[in-house]
C-alpha atoms as a PDB file:
ATOM      1  CA  MET A   1      34.985  18.493  38.114  1.00  0.00           C
ATOM      2  CA  SER A   2      33.197  21.793  38.578  1.00  0.00           C
ATOM      3  CA  VAL A   3      29.673  20.516  38.806  1.00  0.00           C
ATOM      4  CA  GLU A   4      27.860  21.015  42.201  1.00  0.00           C
ATOM      5  CA  PRO A   5      25.504  18.372  43.496  1.00  0.00           C
ATOM      6  CA  VAL A   6      21.854  18.859  42.509  1.00  0.00           C
ATOM      7  CA  VAL A   7      19.364  20.290  44.956  1.00  0.00           C
ATOM      8  CA  PRO A   8      18.068  17.472  47.249  1.00  0.00           C
ATOM      9  CA  ALA A   9      14.630  16.215  46.175  1.00  0.00           C
ATOM     10  CA  GLY A  10      11.780  18.441  47.625  1.00  0.00           C
ATOM     11  CA  GLN A  11      14.028  21.384  48.392  1.00  0.00           C
ATOM     12  CA  ALA A  12      13.753  22.829  44.864  1.00  0.00           C
ATOM     13  CA  ALA A  13      10.035  22.596  44.974  1.00  0.00           C
ATOM     14  CA  ARG A  14       9.800  24.431  48.293  1.00  0.00           C
ATOM     15  CA  THR A  15      12.057  27.064  46.812  1.00  0.00           C
ATOM     16  CA  ASP A  16      10.242  27.449  43.481  1.00  0.00           C
ATOM     17  CA  PRO A  17       7.134  25.526  42.863  1.00  0.00           C
ATOM     18  CA  ASN A  18       7.396  26.115  39.149  1.00  0.00           C
ATOM     19  CA  THR A  19      10.660  24.077  38.741  1.00  0.00           C
ATOM     20  CA  VAL A  20      10.725  20.478  37.543  1.00  0.00           C
ATOM     21  CA  GLN A  21      13.158  18.421  39.578  1.00  0.00           C
ATOM     22  CA  SER A  22      13.870  15.842  36.860  1.00  0.00           C
ATOM     23  CA  VAL A  23      14.846  18.599  34.401  1.00  0.00           C
ATOM     24  CA  LEU A  24      17.262  20.116  36.938  1.00  0.00           C
ATOM     25  CA  ARG A  25      18.827  16.733  37.497  1.00  0.00           C
ATOM     26  CA  ALA A  26      19.162  16.177  33.744  1.00  0.00           C
ATOM     27  CA  ALA A  27      20.783  19.534  33.415  1.00  0.00           C
ATOM     28  CA  ALA A  28      23.259  18.780  36.133  1.00  0.00           C
ATOM     29  CA  LEU A  29      24.256  15.570  34.201  1.00  0.00           C
ATOM     30  CA  LEU A  30      24.777  17.523  30.990  1.00  0.00           C
ATOM     31  CA  ASP A  31      26.767  20.074  32.884  1.00  0.00           C
ATOM     32  CA  CYS A  32      29.249  17.422  33.777  1.00  0.00           C
ATOM     33  CA  PHE A  33      30.528  17.662  30.251  1.00  0.00           C
ATOM     34  CA  ALA A  34      31.057  21.384  30.303  1.00  0.00           C
ATOM     35  CA  ASP A  35      34.801  20.988  31.125  1.00  0.00           C
ATOM     36  CA  GLY A  36      35.308  18.965  27.913  1.00  0.00           C
ATOM     37  CA  PRO A  37      33.961  16.142  25.689  1.00  0.00           C
ATOM     38  CA  ASP A  38      35.693  13.362  27.583  1.00  0.00           C
ATOM     39  CA  GLU A  39      33.541  10.123  27.960  1.00  0.00           C
ATOM     40  CA  LYS A  40      32.213   9.515  31.488  1.00  0.00           C
ATOM     41  CA  GLY A  41      30.720   6.419  33.199  1.00  0.00           C
ATOM     42  CA  LEU A  42      27.579   6.217  35.073  1.00  0.00           C
ATOM     43  CA  SER A  43      29.066   5.932  38.647  1.00  0.00           C
ATOM     44  CA  GLU A  44      31.276   8.923  37.949  1.00  0.00           C
ATOM     45  CA  LEU A  45      28.303  10.996  36.759  1.00  0.00           C
ATOM     46  CA  ALA A  46      26.102   9.876  39.751  1.00  0.00           C
ATOM     47  CA  ARG A  47      28.782  10.910  42.196  1.00  0.00           C
ATOM     48  CA  ALA A  48      29.379  14.279  40.540  1.00  0.00           C
ATOM     49  CA  THR A  49      25.668  15.174  40.587  1.00  0.00           C
ATOM     50  CA  GLY A  50      24.710  13.581  43.993  1.00  0.00           C
ATOM     51  CA  LEU A  51      22.190  11.363  42.283  1.00  0.00           C
ATOM     52  CA  SER A  52      21.579   7.715  42.958  1.00  0.00           C
ATOM     53  CA  VAL A  53      23.001   5.436  40.415  1.00  0.00           C
ATOM     54  CA  SER A  54      19.445   4.244  39.439  1.00  0.00           C
ATOM     55  CA  THR A  55      18.201   7.812  38.946  1.00  0.00           C
ATOM     56  CA  ALA A  56      21.216   8.798  36.996  1.00  0.00           C
ATOM     57  CA  HIS A  57      20.935   5.796  34.802  1.00  0.00           C
ATOM     58  CA  ARG A  58      17.336   6.567  33.825  1.00  0.00           C
ATOM     59  CA  LEU A  59      18.083  10.186  33.135  1.00  0.00           C
ATOM     60  CA  LEU A  60      21.216   9.364  31.056  1.00  0.00           C
ATOM     61  CA  ARG A  61      19.309   6.891  28.966  1.00  0.00           C
ATOM     62  CA  THR A  62      16.636   9.500  28.328  1.00  0.00           C
ATOM     63  CA  LEU A  63      19.175  12.092  27.368  1.00  0.00           C
ATOM     64  CA  ALA A  64      20.857   9.665  25.058  1.00  0.00           C
ATOM     65  CA  GLN A  65      17.428   8.786  23.467  1.00  0.00           C
ATOM     66  CA  ALA A  66      16.948  12.537  22.869  1.00  0.00           C
ATOM     67  CA  GLY A  67      20.301  12.786  21.222  1.00  0.00           C
ATOM     68  CA  LEU A  68      21.746  15.065  23.824  1.00  0.00           C
ATOM     69  CA  LEU A  69      24.198  12.443  24.933  1.00  0.00           C
ATOM     70  CA  TRP A  70      25.752   9.447  23.056  1.00  0.00           C
ATOM     71  CA  HIS A  71      25.820   6.002  24.908  1.00  0.00           C
ATOM     72  CA  ASP A  72      28.684   3.702  23.819  1.00  0.00           C
ATOM     73  CA  GLY A  73      27.384   0.290  24.365  1.00  0.00           C
ATOM     74  CA  SER A  74      30.786  -1.287  24.066  1.00  0.00           C
ATOM     75  CA  THR A  75      32.137   0.675  27.126  1.00  0.00           C
ATOM     76  CA  GLU A  76      28.923   1.717  28.845  1.00  0.00           C
ATOM     77  CA  ARG A  77      30.149   5.313  28.935  1.00  0.00           C
ATOM     78  CA  TYR A  78      28.623   8.577  27.731  1.00  0.00           C
ATOM     79  CA  LEU A  79      29.763  11.297  25.464  1.00  0.00           C
ATOM     80  CA  PRO A  80      28.153  14.625  24.305  1.00  0.00           C
ATOM     81  CA  GLY A  81      25.640  13.725  21.569  1.00  0.00           C
ATOM     82  CA  PRO A  82      24.715  15.283  18.185  1.00  0.00           C
ATOM     83  CA  GLY A  83      21.888  17.281  19.863  1.00  0.00           C
ATOM     84  CA  LEU A  84      24.327  19.164  21.985  1.00  0.00           C
ATOM     85  CA  LEU A  85      26.458  19.885  18.950  1.00  0.00           C
ATOM     86  CA  ARG A  86      23.414  21.357  17.222  1.00  0.00           C
ATOM     87  CA  LEU A  87      22.691  23.562  20.281  1.00  0.00           C
ATOM     88  CA  SER A  88      26.342  24.523  20.505  1.00  0.00           C
ATOM     89  CA  ARG A  89      26.197  25.657  16.782  1.00  0.00           C
ATOM     90  CA  ALA A  90      23.397  28.163  17.589  1.00  0.00           C
ATOM     91  CA  LEU A  91      25.598  29.798  20.157  1.00  0.00           C
ATOM     92  CA  LEU A  92      28.992  29.795  18.475  1.00  0.00           C
ATOM     93  CA  ASP A  93      30.169  32.178  15.903  1.00  0.00           C
ATOM     94  CA  ARG A  94      30.031  30.175  12.562  1.00  0.00           C
ATOM     95  CA  ASP A  95      33.058  32.124  11.237  1.00  0.00           C
ATOM     96  CA  ASP A  96      35.160  31.069  14.298  1.00  0.00           C
ATOM     97  CA  LEU A  97      37.572  28.348  13.328  1.00  0.00           C
ATOM     98  CA  ALA A  98      38.353  27.606  16.956  1.00  0.00           C
ATOM     99  CA  SER A  99      34.764  26.783  17.435  1.00  0.00           C
ATOM    100  CA  VAL A 100      34.769  24.506  14.472  1.00  0.00           C
ATOM    101  CA  ARG A 101      37.769  22.658  15.948  1.00  0.00           C
ATOM    102  CA  GLU A 102      35.952  22.319  19.262  1.00  0.00           C
ATOM    103  CA  LEU A 103      33.009  20.675  17.536  1.00  0.00           C
ATOM    104  CA  LEU A 104      35.273  18.323  15.569  1.00  0.00           C
ATOM    105  CA  ALA A 105      37.138  17.399  18.651  1.00  0.00           C
ATOM    106  CA  ALA A 106      33.868  16.097  20.230  1.00  0.00           C
ATOM    107  CA  VAL A 107      33.074  14.209  16.956  1.00  0.00           C
ATOM    108  CA  ALA A 108      36.520  12.662  16.963  1.00  0.00           C
ATOM    109  CA  LEU A 109      35.997  11.382  20.531  1.00  0.00           C
ATOM    110  CA  GLN A 110      32.664   9.842  19.542  1.00  0.00           C
ATOM    111  CA  VAL A 111      33.986   7.933  16.495  1.00  0.00           C
ATOM    112  CA  ARG A 112      37.507   7.350  18.184  1.00  0.00           C
ATOM    113  CA  LEU A 113      39.245   8.165  14.942  1.00  0.00           C
ATOM    114  CA  SER A 114      40.935  11.175  13.372  1.00  0.00           C
ATOM    115  CA  VAL A 115      38.427  13.464  11.693  1.00  0.00           C
ATOM    116  CA  ARG A 116      38.972  15.553   8.572  1.00  0.00           C
ATOM    117  CA  VAL A 117      37.133  18.324   6.824  1.00  0.00           C
ATOM    118  CA  VAL A 118      37.626  17.797   3.039  1.00  0.00           C
ATOM    119  CA  VAL A 119      36.733  19.886   0.042  1.00  0.00           C
ATOM    120  CA  ARG A 120      36.822  19.217  -3.741  1.00  0.00           C
ATOM    121  CA  ARG A 121      39.285  20.932  -6.013  1.00  0.00           C
ATOM    122  CA  GLY A 122      38.415  19.642  -9.446  1.00  0.00           C
ATOM    123  CA  ASP A 123      39.401  16.047  -9.835  1.00  0.00           C
ATOM    124  CA  GLU A 124      41.092  15.969  -6.387  1.00  0.00           C
ATOM    125  CA  VAL A 125      40.052  16.540  -2.798  1.00  0.00           C
ATOM    126  CA  GLU A 126      42.050  18.715  -0.337  1.00  0.00           C
ATOM    127  CA  THR A 127      42.133  18.177   3.393  1.00  0.00           C
ATOM    128  CA  VAL A 128      41.529  21.607   5.039  1.00  0.00           C
ATOM    129  CA  LEU A 129      41.304  20.701   8.719  1.00  0.00           C
ATOM    130  CA  VAL A 130      42.259  17.741  10.718  1.00  0.00           C
ATOM    131  CA  VAL A 131      41.391  16.869  14.427  1.00  0.00           C
ATOM    132  CA  ASP A 132      43.243  13.977  15.852  1.00  0.00           C
ATOM    133  CA  VAL A 133      41.697  12.179  18.874  1.00  0.00           C
ATOM    134  CA  ASP A 134      44.869  10.649  20.455  1.00  0.00           C
ATOM    135  CA  GLY A 135      47.975  11.585  18.458  1.00  0.00           C
ATOM    136  CA  THR A 136      47.680   8.527  16.080  1.00  0.00           C
ATOM    137  CA  SER A 137      46.465  10.378  12.977  1.00  0.00           C
ATOM    138  CA  PRO A 138      47.588   9.055   9.616  1.00  0.00           C
ATOM    139  CA  ASP A 139      49.989  11.468   8.158  1.00  0.00           C
ATOM    140  CA  ALA A 140      47.523  13.785   6.347  1.00  0.00           C
ATOM    141  CA  GLY A 141      47.712  17.355   7.120  1.00  0.00           C
ATOM    142  CA  PRO A 142      45.941  20.415   5.834  1.00  0.00           C
ATOM    143  CA  GLY A 143      46.737  20.950   2.149  1.00  0.00           C
ATOM    144  CA  GLU A 144      47.205  17.265   1.351  1.00  0.00           C
ATOM    145  CA  ARG A 145      45.368  16.269  -1.968  1.00  0.00           C
ATOM    146  CA  SER A 146      44.285  12.968  -3.403  1.00  0.00           C
ATOM    147  CA  PRO A 147      42.307  11.839  -6.430  1.00  0.00           C
ATOM    148  CA  VAL A 148      38.652  12.466  -5.759  1.00  0.00           C
ATOM    149  CA  HIS A 149      37.557   8.897  -6.591  1.00  0.00           C
ATOM    150  CA  SER A 150      39.975   7.226  -4.253  1.00  0.00           C
ATOM    151  CA  THR A 151      38.702   8.670  -0.885  1.00  0.00           C
ATOM    152  CA  ALA A 152      35.575   8.385   1.143  1.00  0.00           C
ATOM    153  CA  ALA A 153      35.256  12.093   1.318  1.00  0.00           C
ATOM    154  CA  GLY A 154      35.614  12.336  -2.443  1.00  0.00           C
ATOM    155  CA  LYS A 155      32.935   9.850  -3.051  1.00  0.00           C
ATOM    156  CA  ALA A 156      30.618  11.724  -0.542  1.00  0.00           C
ATOM    157  CA  LEU A 157      31.261  14.927  -2.680  1.00  0.00           C
ATOM    158  CA  LEU A 158      30.852  13.200  -6.097  1.00  0.00           C
ATOM    159  CA  ALA A 159      27.572  11.558  -5.125  1.00  0.00           C
ATOM    160  CA  TYR A 160      25.960  14.925  -4.861  1.00  0.00           C
ATOM    161  CA  ALA A 161      27.840  16.831  -7.511  1.00  0.00           C
ATOM    162  CA  SER A 162      24.945  16.625  -9.955  1.00  0.00           C
ATOM    163  CA  GLU A 163      21.607  14.837 -10.585  1.00  0.00           C
ATOM    164  CA  SER A 164      23.301  12.212 -12.602  1.00  0.00           C
ATOM    165  CA  VAL A 165      26.113  10.269 -10.908  1.00  0.00           C
ATOM    166  CA  ARG A 166      27.173   8.624 -14.270  1.00  0.00           C
ATOM    167  CA  GLU A 167      27.689  11.972 -15.863  1.00  0.00           C
ATOM    168  CA  THR A 168      29.818  12.976 -12.862  1.00  0.00           C
ATOM    169  CA  VAL A 169      31.908   9.936 -13.245  1.00  0.00           C
ATOM    170  CA  GLU A 170      32.265  10.287 -16.998  1.00  0.00           C
ATOM    171  CA  ALA A 171      33.617  13.879 -16.471  1.00  0.00           C
ATOM    172  CA  LEU A 172      36.469  12.414 -14.399  1.00  0.00           C
ATOM    173  CA  GLY A 173      37.985  10.512 -17.313  1.00  0.00           C
ATOM    174  CA  THR A 174      40.473   7.796 -16.478  1.00  0.00           C
ATOM    175  CA  LEU A 175      40.255   6.602 -12.899  1.00  0.00           C
ATOM    176  CA  ARG A 176      43.795   5.935 -11.658  1.00  0.00           C
ATOM    177  CA  ALA A 177      44.588   3.126  -9.186  1.00  0.00           C
ATOM    178  CA  LEU A 178      46.427   4.182  -6.109  1.00  0.00           C
ATOM    179  CA  THR A 179      46.109   0.703  -4.429  1.00  0.00           C
ATOM    180  CA  PRO A 180      44.791  -2.671  -5.721  1.00  0.00           C
ATOM    181  CA  GLU A 181      41.533  -1.688  -3.961  1.00  0.00           C
ATOM    182  CA  THR A 182      40.866   1.639  -5.734  1.00  0.00           C
ATOM    183  CA  VAL A 183      37.757   1.556  -7.812  1.00  0.00           C
ATOM    184  CA  THR A 184      38.738   2.282 -11.355  1.00  0.00           C
ATOM    185  CA  ASP A 185      35.752   1.003 -13.338  1.00  0.00           C
ATOM    186  CA  PRO A 186      33.399   3.873 -14.156  1.00  0.00           C
ATOM    187  CA  ASP A 187      30.267   1.771 -13.905  1.00  0.00           C
ATOM    188  CA  ALA A 188      31.351   0.270 -10.510  1.00  0.00           C
ATOM    189  CA  LEU A 189      32.062   3.823  -9.245  1.00  0.00           C
ATOM    190  CA  ALA A 190      28.747   5.197 -10.457  1.00  0.00           C
ATOM    191  CA  ASP A 191      26.858   2.254  -8.675  1.00  0.00           C
ATOM    192  CA  GLU A 192      28.714   3.011  -5.530  1.00  0.00           C
ATOM    193  CA  LEU A 193      27.802   6.642  -5.648  1.00  0.00           C
ATOM    194  CA  GLU A 194      24.156   5.620  -6.046  1.00  0.00           C
ATOM    195  CA  ARG A 195      24.540   3.671  -2.831  1.00  0.00           C
ATOM    196  CA  VAL A 196      26.161   6.680  -1.079  1.00  0.00           C
ATOM    197  CA  ARG A 197      23.047   8.719  -1.943  1.00  0.00           C
ATOM    198  CA  THR A 198      20.862   5.999  -0.526  1.00  0.00           C
ATOM    199  CA  ARG A 199      22.690   5.371   2.817  1.00  0.00           C
ATOM    200  CA  ALA A 200      24.100   8.985   3.148  1.00  0.00           C
ATOM    201  CA  TYR A 201      27.665   7.919   3.822  1.00  0.00           C
ATOM    202  CA  ALA A 202      30.645   6.855   1.626  1.00  0.00           C
ATOM    203  CA  VAL A 203      33.392   4.374   2.376  1.00  0.00           C
ATOM    204  CA  ALA A 204      36.964   3.902   1.070  1.00  0.00           C
ATOM    205  CA  ASP A 205      38.520   0.623   2.247  1.00  0.00           C
ATOM    206  CA  ARG A 206      42.245   0.754   1.609  1.00  0.00           C
ATOM    207  CA  GLU A 207      41.601   2.526  -1.649  1.00  0.00           C
ATOM    208  CA  GLU A 208      43.597   5.790  -1.076  1.00  0.00           C
ATOM    209  CA  ARG A 209      46.359   3.891   0.793  1.00  0.00           C
ATOM    210  CA  PRO A 210      46.679   0.299   1.767  1.00  0.00           C
ATOM    211  CA  ASP A 211      46.857   1.208   5.540  1.00  0.00           C
ATOM    212  CA  LEU A 212      43.675   3.487   5.526  1.00  0.00           C
ATOM    213  CA  ARG A 213      39.972   2.887   6.008  1.00  0.00           C
ATOM    214  CA  ALA A 214      37.601   5.805   5.972  1.00  0.00           C
ATOM    215  CA  VAL A 215      33.890   6.788   6.069  1.00  0.00           C
ATOM    216  CA  ALA A 216      32.606  10.201   5.089  1.00  0.00           C
ATOM    217  CA  VAL A 217      29.376  12.233   4.948  1.00  0.00           C
ATOM    218  CA  PRO A 218      28.447  15.309   2.952  1.00  0.00           C
ATOM    219  CA  VAL A 219      28.516  18.755   4.805  1.00  0.00           C
ATOM    220  CA  ARG A 220      25.846  21.205   3.582  1.00  0.00           C
ATOM    221  CA  SER A 221      25.674  24.951   3.712  1.00  0.00           C
ATOM    222  CA  ALA A 222      22.816  26.910   5.121  1.00  0.00           C
ATOM    223  CA  ASP A 223      21.305  26.868   1.589  1.00  0.00           C
ATOM    224  CA  GLY A 224      21.435  23.116   1.493  1.00  0.00           C
ATOM    225  CA  ASP A 225      24.426  22.850  -1.035  1.00  0.00           C
ATOM    226  CA  VAL A 226      27.081  20.325  -0.413  1.00  0.00           C
ATOM    227  CA  VAL A 227      30.279  22.227   0.232  1.00  0.00           C
ATOM    228  CA  ALA A 228      32.551  19.866   1.934  1.00  0.00           C
ATOM    229  CA  ALA A 229      32.771  16.394   3.419  1.00  0.00           C
ATOM    230  CA  LEU A 230      33.398  15.157   7.060  1.00  0.00           C
ATOM    231  CA  GLU A 231      35.628  12.166   7.129  1.00  0.00           C
ATOM    232  CA  ALA A 232      36.718   9.750   9.770  1.00  0.00           C
ATOM    233  CA  VAL A 233      40.027   7.897   9.098  1.00  0.00           C
ATOM    234  CA  GLY A 234      41.965   5.208  10.785  1.00  0.00           C
ATOM    235  CA  THR A 235      44.039   2.075  10.101  1.00  0.00           C
ATOM    236  CA  PRO A 236      42.244  -1.209   9.538  1.00  0.00           C
ATOM    237  CA  GLU A 237      43.427  -2.283  13.051  1.00  0.00           C
ATOM    238  CA  ARG A 238      41.669   0.699  14.611  1.00  0.00           C
ATOM    239  CA  PHE A 239      38.632   0.859  12.348  1.00  0.00           C
ATOM    240  CA  ASP A 240      36.799  -2.427  11.972  1.00  0.00           C
ATOM    241  CA  VAL A 241      34.601  -3.012   8.932  1.00  0.00           C
ATOM    242  CA  ALA A 242      31.731  -3.912  11.297  1.00  0.00           C
ATOM    243  CA  ASP A 243      31.806  -0.400  12.776  1.00  0.00           C
ATOM    244  CA  ILE A 244      31.507   1.542   9.557  1.00  0.00           C
ATOM    245  CA  ALA A 245      27.743   2.068   9.601  1.00  0.00           C
ATOM    246  CA  ARG A 246      27.751   3.222  13.210  1.00  0.00           C
ATOM    247  CA  ARG A 247      30.482   5.692  12.571  1.00  0.00           C
ATOM    248  CA  GLY A 248      28.789   6.961   9.415  1.00  0.00           C
ATOM    249  CA  ARG A 249      25.638   7.644  11.394  1.00  0.00           C
ATOM    250  CA  LEU A 250      27.559   9.525  14.012  1.00  0.00           C
ATOM    251  CA  LEU A 251      29.303  11.660  11.342  1.00  0.00           C
ATOM    252  CA  ALA A 252      25.937  12.382   9.565  1.00  0.00           C
ATOM    253  CA  ALA A 253      24.479  13.662  12.892  1.00  0.00           C
ATOM    254  CA  ALA A 254      27.560  15.830  13.472  1.00  0.00           C
ATOM    255  CA  ALA A 255      27.569  17.196   9.903  1.00  0.00           C
ATOM    256  CA  GLY A 256      24.161  18.701  10.471  1.00  0.00           C
ATOM    257  CA  ALA A 257      25.538  20.793  13.322  1.00  0.00           C
ATOM    258  CA  LEU A 258      28.745  21.919  11.553  1.00  0.00           C
ATOM    259  CA  GLY A 259      29.024  25.336  10.170  1.00  0.00           C
ATOM    260  CA  LEU A 260      32.102  25.966   8.140  1.00  0.00           C
ATOM    261  CA  PRO A 261      33.648  29.457   7.764  1.00  0.00           C
ATOM    262  CA  ALA A 262      33.941  30.562   4.153  1.00  0.00           C
ATOM    263  CA  SER A 263      37.731  31.035   4.586  1.00  0.00           C
ATOM    264  CA  LEU A 264      38.061  27.252   5.075  1.00  0.00           C
ATOM    265  CA  LEU A 265      36.448  26.464   1.841  1.00  0.00           C
ATOM    266  CA  GLU A 266      38.438  28.810  -0.391  1.00  0.00           C
ATOM    267  CA  PRO A 267      41.301  27.396  -2.455  1.00  0.00           C
ATOM    268  CA  THR A 268      44.700  27.728  -0.958  1.00  0.00           C
ATOM    269  CA  PRO A 269      47.131  30.082  -2.743  1.00  0.00           C
END
């Protein structure tokens, strides 16, 4: 790791009385993630920065509370948080697809699932970008399309398509079943879209395919228009129902930092 130990306590003050040592220490902890978004543990971060474990622990918890880091309670490890993603967005060229991939890679590590950017094409949705966290992505690459009502991304897009979700659903016509779990009743779908608007994320549990569970959130343009959806997808074995809400919140935080190039939203030839 490239991080140098922080300046010993007192030395920075003698060098520059205007510096705040705790801020320097926190910056050193954040810099540990400069080489990549891999999750890191408390002891590893303390060693890398030369901090005591107790000091590192207090600073890491503070950074997590501020949203600059994400603390995974199940593993007691840390990842870059949505606050860092928002700061990155201000520095990166919003028309740079490589930068979008970099941000999505950090999101994929946070949710530990494959992450897709999905756009609506009429009564279908199209996957335009996929980032896989560990090589176990369900076989859905760019260009793949599915009926809009059968996917989490599609529901996230439908929920904000107009002021009236019932008019949106009526315009779809017959809702085809892809699996026994696909919602095909118009009233049931409209009710679900209302819930999406309330909780700000959508779910598709084995509705597109029997081996897929997904959660998605809307992605807005600088003008506030919903232009795409950010979706996390995995098998039921990898994606427990109890973890849907947490992953939905992580996606929602990341979507606010995601700037998509116009070329990614344009229909494919």
